[in-house]
Amino acid sequence: MALTVLDRLRARPYAETRDRQWAAFRGSARSSAPRLDEMVDFQGWVTVVGRRDVAAYSQAFLAAEVLVERHGAPAVISYFRQYASIPDRPTAFRAAFEAVLEARLGIRRR
């Protein structure tokens, strides 16, 4: 959302930010990119961000963009509101989004 605001204020074009994130992600070891369920809590995020072979922020940025593009912002917001009450969050998230995101981001698991 913040990047959209910056774009509309003409401070930083959103397309430029997206292109930078794609470049960083393509330059990383996509075949060993973390699964989304590895980034669902703070500890998981800290672990993933500490890796040097992957571009975790770029992956998360692009994943959010794909979800909004594919399902629309209201649907994504609604999902995350419901997400808080789901007992097995990683499994639910993976089932809902993982295959679509991996295909769109070009992640090929070894």
Protein backbone atom coordinates (compact mmCIF):
# COMPACT_ATOMS: atom_id res chain seq x y z
CA MET A 1 0.00 0.00 0.00
CA ALA A 2 2.80 2.40 0.89
CA LEU A 3 4.38 1.88 -2.52
CA THR A 4 1.08 2.62 -4.22
CA VAL A 5 0.87 5.90 -2.29
CA LEU A 6 4.43 6.82 -3.29
CA ASP A 7 3.56 6.03 -6.90
CA ARG A 8 0.47 8.22 -6.83
CA LEU A 9 2.47 11.06 -5.27
CA ARG A 10 4.99 10.57 -8.08
CA ALA A 11 7.75 10.05 -5.52
CA ARG A 12 8.69 6.54 -6.71
CA PRO A 13 7.10 4.71 -9.62
CA TYR A 14 5.57 1.43 -8.51
CA ALA A 15 6.73 -0.26 -11.72
CA GLU A 16 10.32 0.65 -10.87
CA THR A 17 10.00 -0.95 -7.43
CA ARG A 18 8.39 -4.06 -8.89
CA ASP A 19 11.15 -4.33 -11.53
CA ARG A 20 13.82 -4.12 -8.81
CA GLN A 21 12.10 -6.85 -6.82
CA TRP A 22 11.86 -9.09 -9.89
CA ALA A 23 15.56 -8.52 -10.65
CA ALA A 24 16.55 -9.39 -7.08
CA PHE A 25 14.34 -12.47 -7.07
CA ARG A 26 15.57 -13.70 -10.46
CA GLY A 27 19.14 -13.23 -9.27
CA SER A 28 18.56 -15.46 -6.25
CA ALA A 29 18.52 -19.23 -5.92
CA ARG A 30 14.86 -19.65 -6.85
CA SER A 31 15.02 -23.42 -6.68
CA SER A 32 15.77 -23.10 -2.97
CA ALA A 33 13.34 -20.25 -2.35
CA PRO A 34 11.55 -20.72 0.97
CA ARG A 35 8.05 -22.12 0.98
CA LEU A 36 5.48 -19.61 2.08
CA ASP A 37 4.69 -21.62 5.19
CA GLU A 38 8.29 -21.02 6.28
CA MET A 39 7.53 -17.28 6.47
CA VAL A 40 4.24 -17.27 8.38
CA ASP A 41 5.56 -16.24 11.77
CA PHE A 42 8.24 -13.91 13.07
CA GLN A 43 10.82 -16.61 13.82
CA GLY A 44 10.37 -18.15 10.39
CA TRP A 45 10.75 -14.76 8.74
CA VAL A 46 13.94 -14.00 10.70
CA THR A 47 15.41 -17.34 9.66
CA VAL A 48 14.54 -16.88 5.99
CA VAL A 49 15.75 -13.28 5.82
CA GLY A 50 19.09 -14.40 7.26
CA ARG A 51 19.77 -16.63 4.26
CA ARG A 52 22.03 -15.11 1.61
CA ASP A 53 21.03 -17.37 -1.29
CA VAL A 54 17.41 -16.24 -1.51
CA ALA A 55 15.67 -12.89 -1.90
CA ALA A 56 13.00 -13.38 0.77
CA TYR A 57 11.70 -9.80 0.79
CA SER A 58 11.42 -9.79 -2.98
CA GLN A 59 9.63 -13.14 -2.91
CA ALA A 60 7.16 -11.88 -0.30
CA PHE A 61 6.61 -8.62 -2.20
CA LEU A 62 5.93 -10.46 -5.47
CA ALA A 63 3.73 -13.03 -3.74
CA ALA A 64 1.54 -10.28 -2.28
CA GLU A 65 1.32 -8.63 -5.70
CA VAL A 66 0.30 -11.90 -7.36
CA LEU A 67 -2.38 -12.58 -4.75
CA VAL A 68 -3.91 -9.14 -5.14
CA GLU A 69 -3.66 -9.31 -8.93
CA ARG A 70 -5.30 -12.73 -9.08
CA HIS A 71 -7.93 -12.43 -6.34
CA GLY A 72 -8.33 -8.70 -5.72
CA ALA A 73 -7.44 -6.76 -2.59
CA PRO A 74 -10.81 -7.32 -0.83
CA ALA A 75 -10.50 -11.13 -1.14
CA VAL A 76 -6.92 -11.14 0.15
CA ILE A 77 -7.85 -8.90 3.09
CA SER A 78 -10.82 -11.13 3.87
CA TYR A 79 -8.60 -14.22 3.82
CA PHE A 80 -6.13 -12.71 6.26
CA ARG A 81 -8.91 -11.63 8.59
CA GLN A 82 -10.10 -15.24 8.70
CA TYR A 83 -6.53 -16.52 8.89
CA ALA A 84 -6.23 -15.48 12.54
CA SER A 85 -8.82 -18.08 13.57
CA ILE A 86 -7.47 -20.99 11.50
CA PRO A 87 -5.76 -23.60 13.72
CA ASP A 88 -3.25 -24.90 11.14
CA ARG A 89 -2.28 -21.67 9.40
CA PRO A 90 0.69 -22.89 7.36
CA THR A 91 -1.29 -25.76 5.83
CA ALA A 92 -4.28 -23.54 5.06
CA PHE A 93 -2.11 -20.88 3.46
CA ARG A 94 -0.15 -23.40 1.42
CA ALA A 95 -3.34 -25.06 0.23
CA ALA A 96 -4.87 -21.74 -0.79
CA PHE A 97 -1.96 -20.03 -2.49
CA GLU A 98 1.35 -21.92 -2.76
CA ALA A 99 0.93 -23.62 -6.16
CA VAL A 100 -0.34 -20.46 -7.85
CA LEU A 101 2.48 -18.34 -6.45
CA GLU A 102 5.23 -20.81 -7.24
CA ALA A 103 4.03 -21.14 -10.82
CA ARG A 104 3.78 -17.36 -11.27
CA LEU A 105 7.18 -16.68 -9.67
CA GLY A 106 8.87 -19.50 -11.56
CA ILE A 107 9.94 -21.47 -8.48
CA ARG A 108 10.97 -25.00 -9.43
CA ARG A 109 11.53 -27.24 -6.43
CA ARG A 110 14.38 -29.74 -6.66
